[in-house]
Structures are given as structure tokens and as C-alpha cells.
Amino acid sequence: MNKQNIIGNIIGICLAFGYLFICYTVYNLQTEGSWDGFLCFLFALPFSIFSLIAINYVDGEFVFFYILNAIWWWFMGFCLGRCVSRNKQFLSIVLTVYITIMYLSMFFMWL
């Protein structure tokens, strides 16, 4: 495995576990209605739209929804790691801004 893949995997795994931790925390909070599911949906846009379609074929299991969205976050981190290690500045800036906005929005929604 080369350096680019290792960096991408480390960043991707951190982002995926961060997403799963946030979903677990949001799921265990006592919220009104389906607000907790909406927060987890919002944090993984645009991939969560596909996840909602796919969840209909698995009898509505939200664990499947969370796992698919965690795969999305792993993919985003993997792409960011590869862009950074290959010196593709524009793509790495775009991905960094996207990831930062999503994680900051998660933080500020809890305040």
C-alpha cells in the first residue's frame, strides 16, 4: 500500500467513525419527532438521499442508513487524503471546506 492510500484510509476511517459517533449520540438524545434522523440525514448530504432510497429495500433499518452514510464519509476522507498527497490543491480545498462545513454544522446544531 502506498503513502497516498494510507493517508486517505486514515482520514476516511476517522471521518466515518466520527459520523457514526455523532449518529449514535444524536440517536440516544431525547428529541421530539424525527428530528434526530433528520440531523443524521443532513450531515451526509448528498449521499443520504441515496441511502433513504436504499433503506426501503431493507425493511427500514436505520442501521443500514448509518452504515451507508459512514461509507460516504470514508470515501470523502479517502479522496481528501489522495488529493492532499498528490498536491491537487483545488480538490483538496473543496473537500476540506465541505467536510469542515458539515462537521461545524453538526457541532452548532447541538448548541
N, C-alpha and C. Protein backbone atom coordinates (compact mmCIF):
# COMPACT_ATOMS: atom_id res chain seq x y z
N MET A 1 0.85 -1.18 0.00
CA MET A 1 0.00 0.00 0.00
C MET A 1 0.89 1.24 0.00
N ASN A 2 0.59 2.17 -0.86
CA ASN A 2 1.42 3.37 -0.92
C ASN A 2 0.96 4.43 0.07
N LYS A 3 1.76 5.48 0.16
CA LYS A 3 1.52 6.54 1.14
C LYS A 3 0.17 7.23 0.92
N GLN A 4 -0.22 7.42 -0.33
CA GLN A 4 -1.47 8.10 -0.64
C GLN A 4 -2.66 7.32 -0.10
N ASN A 5 -2.64 6.01 -0.29
CA ASN A 5 -3.76 5.19 0.19
C ASN A 5 -3.80 5.13 1.71
N ILE A 6 -2.65 5.08 2.35
CA ILE A 6 -2.62 5.02 3.81
C ILE A 6 -3.18 6.30 4.41
N ILE A 7 -2.75 7.45 3.89
CA ILE A 7 -3.26 8.73 4.39
C ILE A 7 -4.75 8.84 4.14
N GLY A 8 -5.18 8.45 2.95
CA GLY A 8 -6.60 8.50 2.62
C GLY A 8 -7.43 7.59 3.52
N ASN A 9 -6.93 6.39 3.78
CA ASN A 9 -7.67 5.47 4.65
C ASN A 9 -7.75 5.98 6.08
N ILE A 10 -6.67 6.55 6.59
CA ILE A 10 -6.69 7.06 7.96
C ILE A 10 -7.69 8.21 8.09
N ILE A 11 -7.66 9.15 7.16
CA ILE A 11 -8.61 10.27 7.20
C ILE A 11 -10.03 9.75 7.03
N GLY A 12 -10.23 8.84 6.09
CA GLY A 12 -11.56 8.30 5.85
C GLY A 12 -12.12 7.55 7.04
N ILE A 13 -11.29 6.74 7.68
CA ILE A 13 -11.75 5.99 8.85
C ILE A 13 -12.10 6.93 9.99
N CYS A 14 -11.30 7.97 10.19
CA CYS A 14 -11.60 8.95 11.24
C CYS A 14 -12.92 9.66 10.98
N LEU A 15 -13.15 10.06 9.74
CA LEU A 15 -14.41 10.73 9.41
C LEU A 15 -15.60 9.79 9.54
N ALA A 16 -15.45 8.55 9.11
CA ALA A 16 -16.55 7.58 9.20
C ALA A 16 -16.89 7.29 10.66
N PHE A 17 -15.89 7.06 11.50
CA PHE A 17 -16.17 6.80 12.91
C PHE A 17 -16.70 8.05 13.60
N GLY A 18 -16.23 9.22 13.18
CA GLY A 18 -16.80 10.45 13.72
C GLY A 18 -18.28 10.58 13.39
N TYR A 19 -18.64 10.24 12.16
CA TYR A 19 -20.05 10.28 11.76
C TYR A 19 -20.88 9.27 12.55
N LEU A 20 -20.35 8.05 12.69
CA LEU A 20 -21.08 7.03 13.46
C LEU A 20 -21.23 7.42 14.92
N PHE A 21 -20.20 8.04 15.49
CA PHE A 21 -20.29 8.51 16.87
C PHE A 21 -21.35 9.59 17.01
N ILE A 22 -21.38 10.51 16.07
CA ILE A 22 -22.37 11.59 16.12
C ILE A 22 -23.77 11.02 15.94
N CYS A 23 -23.94 10.07 15.02
CA CYS A 23 -25.26 9.45 14.84
C CYS A 23 -25.69 8.70 16.09
N TYR A 24 -24.76 8.00 16.72
CA TYR A 24 -25.08 7.28 17.95
C TYR A 24 -25.49 8.25 19.05
N THR A 25 -24.77 9.36 19.16
CA THR A 25 -25.09 10.36 20.17
C THR A 25 -26.43 11.01 19.89
N VAL A 26 -26.67 11.39 18.64
CA VAL A 26 -27.94 12.01 18.28
C VAL A 26 -29.09 11.03 18.48
N TYR A 27 -28.87 9.77 18.13
CA TYR A 27 -29.91 8.76 18.27
C TYR A 27 -30.29 8.55 19.74
N ASN A 28 -29.32 8.65 20.63
CA ASN A 28 -29.60 8.44 22.05
C ASN A 28 -30.13 9.68 22.77
N LEU A 29 -30.10 10.83 22.11
CA LEU A 29 -30.69 12.03 22.71
C LEU A 29 -32.21 11.92 22.65
N GLN A 30 -32.85 12.49 23.60
CA GLN A 30 -34.31 12.50 23.60
C GLN A 30 -34.77 13.71 22.79
N THR A 31 -35.10 13.47 21.53
CA THR A 31 -35.55 14.57 20.67
C THR A 31 -37.00 14.34 20.30
N GLU A 32 -37.61 15.40 19.88
CA GLU A 32 -39.03 15.36 19.54
C GLU A 32 -39.21 14.92 18.09
N GLY A 33 -40.07 13.98 17.85
CA GLY A 33 -40.38 13.55 16.49
C GLY A 33 -39.20 12.85 15.83
N SER A 34 -38.99 13.15 14.56
CA SER A 34 -37.92 12.50 13.81
C SER A 34 -36.75 13.46 13.60
N TRP A 35 -36.58 14.40 14.49
CA TRP A 35 -35.52 15.40 14.34
C TRP A 35 -34.15 14.75 14.36
N ASP A 36 -33.96 13.71 15.16
CA ASP A 36 -32.66 13.06 15.22
C ASP A 36 -32.30 12.40 13.89
N GLY A 37 -33.25 11.78 13.25
CA GLY A 37 -32.99 11.19 11.93
C GLY A 37 -32.68 12.24 10.88
N PHE A 38 -33.32 13.40 11.01
CA PHE A 38 -33.05 14.48 10.06
C PHE A 38 -31.63 15.01 10.21
N LEU A 39 -31.14 15.10 11.43
CA LEU A 39 -29.76 15.57 11.63
C LEU A 39 -28.76 14.63 10.98
N CYS A 40 -28.96 13.34 11.16
CA CYS A 40 -28.06 12.37 10.53
C CYS A 40 -28.19 12.39 9.01
N PHE A 41 -29.38 12.66 8.52
CA PHE A 41 -29.60 12.81 7.08
C PHE A 41 -28.87 14.04 6.56
N LEU A 42 -28.97 15.13 7.29
CA LEU A 42 -28.37 16.39 6.86
C LEU A 42 -26.85 16.32 6.83
N PHE A 43 -26.25 15.60 7.76
CA PHE A 43 -24.79 15.56 7.85
C PHE A 43 -24.13 14.81 6.72
N ALA A 44 -24.87 14.00 6.00
CA ALA A 44 -24.27 13.20 4.93
C ALA A 44 -24.80 13.56 3.55
N LEU A 45 -25.39 14.74 3.41
CA LEU A 45 -25.85 15.15 2.08
C LEU A 45 -24.68 15.21 1.14
N PRO A 46 -24.80 14.87 -0.07
CA PRO A 46 -25.93 14.44 -0.87
C PRO A 46 -26.14 12.92 -0.87
N PHE A 47 -25.22 12.18 -0.26
CA PHE A 47 -25.30 10.72 -0.32
C PHE A 47 -26.48 10.17 0.47
N SER A 48 -26.95 10.90 1.46
CA SER A 48 -28.05 10.40 2.28
C SER A 48 -29.35 10.27 1.49
N ILE A 49 -29.47 10.98 0.39
CA ILE A 49 -30.66 10.82 -0.46
C ILE A 49 -30.67 9.40 -1.04
N PHE A 50 -29.51 8.94 -1.51
CA PHE A 50 -29.40 7.56 -1.99
C PHE A 50 -29.66 6.58 -0.85
N SER A 51 -29.17 6.88 0.33
CA SER A 51 -29.35 5.99 1.48
C SER A 51 -30.82 5.84 1.83
N LEU A 52 -31.59 6.92 1.74
CA LEU A 52 -33.02 6.83 2.03
C LEU A 52 -33.75 5.96 1.01
N ILE A 53 -33.33 6.04 -0.24
CA ILE A 53 -33.93 5.17 -1.26
C ILE A 53 -33.56 3.72 -1.00
N ALA A 54 -32.30 3.48 -0.66
CA ALA A 54 -31.84 2.11 -0.43
C ALA A 54 -32.44 1.50 0.82
N ILE A 55 -32.78 2.31 1.81
CA ILE A 55 -33.31 1.79 3.07
C ILE A 55 -34.69 1.16 2.88
N ASN A 56 -35.40 1.57 1.85
CA ASN A 56 -36.72 0.99 1.58
C ASN A 56 -36.64 -0.49 1.21
N TYR A 57 -35.50 -0.91 0.71
CA TYR A 57 -35.33 -2.30 0.31
C TYR A 57 -34.80 -3.18 1.43
N VAL A 58 -34.54 -2.59 2.60
CA VAL A 58 -34.00 -3.34 3.74
C VAL A 58 -34.97 -3.24 4.92
N ASP A 59 -36.23 -3.09 4.66
CA ASP A 59 -37.27 -3.01 5.67
C ASP A 59 -37.07 -1.87 6.67
N GLY A 60 -36.55 -0.76 6.20
CA GLY A 60 -36.46 0.44 7.03
C GLY A 60 -35.47 0.38 8.18
N GLU A 61 -34.43 -0.41 8.06
CA GLU A 61 -33.43 -0.49 9.12
C GLU A 61 -32.52 0.73 9.05
N PHE A 62 -32.55 1.54 10.10
CA PHE A 62 -31.74 2.75 10.10
C PHE A 62 -30.27 2.46 10.34
N VAL A 63 -29.94 1.27 10.84
CA VAL A 63 -28.53 0.90 10.97
C VAL A 63 -27.89 0.85 9.59
N PHE A 64 -28.63 0.33 8.62
CA PHE A 64 -28.15 0.29 7.24
C PHE A 64 -27.93 1.71 6.71
N PHE A 65 -28.83 2.62 7.06
CA PHE A 65 -28.72 4.02 6.65
C PHE A 65 -27.43 4.63 7.21
N TYR A 66 -27.16 4.39 8.49
CA TYR A 66 -25.96 4.95 9.11
C TYR A 66 -24.69 4.35 8.52
N ILE A 67 -24.71 3.06 8.23
CA ILE A 67 -23.53 2.42 7.67
C ILE A 67 -23.25 2.94 6.27
N LEU A 68 -24.28 3.10 5.45
CA LEU A 68 -24.08 3.65 4.10
C LEU A 68 -23.51 5.06 4.16
N ASN A 69 -24.01 5.87 5.06
CA ASN A 69 -23.51 7.24 5.18
C ASN A 69 -22.10 7.27 5.76
N ALA A 70 -21.77 6.32 6.62
CA ALA A 70 -20.39 6.23 7.12
C ALA A 70 -19.44 5.86 5.98
N ILE A 71 -19.92 5.02 5.06
CA ILE A 71 -19.11 4.70 3.88
C ILE A 71 -18.89 5.96 3.05
N TRP A 72 -19.89 6.81 2.96
CA TRP A 72 -19.74 8.09 2.25
C TRP A 72 -18.65 8.94 2.90
N TRP A 73 -18.67 9.02 4.23
CA TRP A 73 -17.65 9.81 4.92
C TRP A 73 -16.27 9.20 4.76
N TRP A 74 -16.18 7.86 4.75
CA TRP A 74 -14.89 7.24 4.50
C TRP A 74 -14.39 7.61 3.10
N PHE A 75 -15.29 7.57 2.12
CA PHE A 75 -14.91 7.90 0.75
C PHE A 75 -14.45 9.35 0.65
N MET A 76 -15.13 10.26 1.34
CA MET A 76 -14.72 11.67 1.31
C MET A 76 -13.33 11.84 1.91
N GLY A 77 -13.08 11.17 3.01
CA GLY A 77 -11.75 11.25 3.63
C GLY A 77 -10.67 10.61 2.77
N PHE A 78 -11.01 9.50 2.12
CA PHE A 78 -10.07 8.83 1.23
C PHE A 78 -9.71 9.75 0.06
N CYS A 79 -10.71 10.39 -0.52
CA CYS A 79 -10.45 11.33 -1.64
C CYS A 79 -9.62 12.52 -1.17
N LEU A 80 -9.92 13.02 0.01
CA LEU A 80 -9.16 14.15 0.55
C LEU A 80 -7.70 13.75 0.76
N GLY A 81 -7.48 12.58 1.33
CA GLY A 81 -6.11 12.13 1.55
C GLY A 81 -5.33 11.95 0.26
N ARG A 82 -5.98 11.44 -0.75
CA ARG A 82 -5.30 11.27 -2.04
C ARG A 82 -5.02 12.61 -2.70
N CYS A 83 -5.95 13.55 -2.58
CA CYS A 83 -5.72 14.87 -3.18
C CYS A 83 -4.60 15.61 -2.47
N VAL A 84 -4.57 15.50 -1.15
CA VAL A 84 -3.52 16.19 -0.40
C VAL A 84 -2.16 15.58 -0.73
N SER A 85 -2.08 14.26 -0.78
CA SER A 85 -0.79 13.62 -1.03
C SER A 85 -0.33 13.75 -2.48
N ARG A 86 -1.24 14.04 -3.38
CA ARG A 86 -0.87 14.25 -4.79
C ARG A 86 -0.74 15.73 -5.14
N ASN A 87 -0.86 16.60 -4.16
CA ASN A 87 -0.74 18.05 -4.35
C ASN A 87 -1.78 18.61 -5.31
N LYS A 88 -2.97 18.09 -5.26
CA LYS A 88 -4.08 18.64 -6.04
C LYS A 88 -4.78 19.64 -5.13
N GLN A 89 -4.33 20.86 -5.18
CA GLN A 89 -4.76 21.86 -4.21
C GLN A 89 -6.23 22.21 -4.33
N PHE A 90 -6.74 22.39 -5.53
CA PHE A 90 -8.14 22.81 -5.67
C PHE A 90 -9.09 21.77 -5.10
N LEU A 91 -8.89 20.50 -5.46
CA LEU A 91 -9.78 19.45 -4.96
C LEU A 91 -9.65 19.28 -3.46
N SER A 92 -8.44 19.38 -2.95
CA SER A 92 -8.27 19.23 -1.51
C SER A 92 -8.91 20.39 -0.76
N ILE A 93 -8.86 21.58 -1.32
CA ILE A 93 -9.53 22.72 -0.68
C ILE A 93 -11.04 22.54 -0.70
N VAL A 94 -11.59 22.10 -1.82
CA VAL A 94 -13.03 21.89 -1.93
C VAL A 94 -13.49 20.83 -0.93
N LEU A 95 -12.79 19.70 -0.87
CA LEU A 95 -13.17 18.65 0.06
C LEU A 95 -13.00 19.07 1.51
N THR A 96 -11.94 19.80 1.80
CA THR A 96 -11.73 20.28 3.17
C THR A 96 -12.83 21.25 3.58
N VAL A 97 -13.23 22.13 2.69
CA VAL A 97 -14.31 23.07 3.01
C VAL A 97 -15.62 22.32 3.22
N TYR A 98 -15.92 21.34 2.37
CA TYR A 98 -17.14 20.55 2.52
C TYR A 98 -17.16 19.82 3.86
N ILE A 99 -16.07 19.14 4.18
CA ILE A 99 -16.00 18.39 5.43
C ILE A 99 -16.08 19.32 6.63
N THR A 100 -15.40 20.44 6.57
CA THR A 100 -15.42 21.40 7.68
C THR A 100 -16.82 21.97 7.89
N ILE A 101 -17.49 22.32 6.82
CA ILE A 101 -18.85 22.86 6.94
C ILE A 101 -19.79 21.83 7.54
N MET A 102 -19.69 20.59 7.10
CA MET A 102 -20.58 19.55 7.64
C MET A 102 -20.32 19.29 9.12
N TYR A 103 -19.05 19.18 9.49
CA TYR A 103 -18.75 18.91 10.90
C TYR A 103 -19.05 20.12 11.78
N LEU A 104 -18.83 21.33 11.30
CA LEU A 104 -19.20 22.51 12.09
C LEU A 104 -20.71 22.64 12.23
N SER A 105 -21.44 22.29 11.17
CA SER A 105 -22.90 22.35 11.28
C SER A 105 -23.40 21.34 12.29
N MET A 106 -22.75 20.17 12.36
CA MET A 106 -23.13 19.20 13.38
C MET A 106 -22.90 19.75 14.78
N PHE A 107 -21.78 20.40 14.97
CA PHE A 107 -21.44 20.96 16.27
C PHE A 107 -22.41 22.07 16.67
N PHE A 108 -22.69 22.99 15.75
CA PHE A 108 -23.55 24.12 16.09
C PHE A 108 -25.01 23.75 16.23
N MET A 109 -25.44 22.64 15.66
CA MET A 109 -26.82 22.21 15.85
C MET A 109 -27.06 21.68 17.25
N TRP A 110 -25.97 21.24 17.91
CA TRP A 110 -26.11 20.75 19.27
C TRP A 110 -26.14 21.88 20.28
N LEU A 111 -25.67 23.07 19.92
CA LEU A 111 -25.65 24.19 20.87
C LEU A 111 -27.02 24.77 21.11
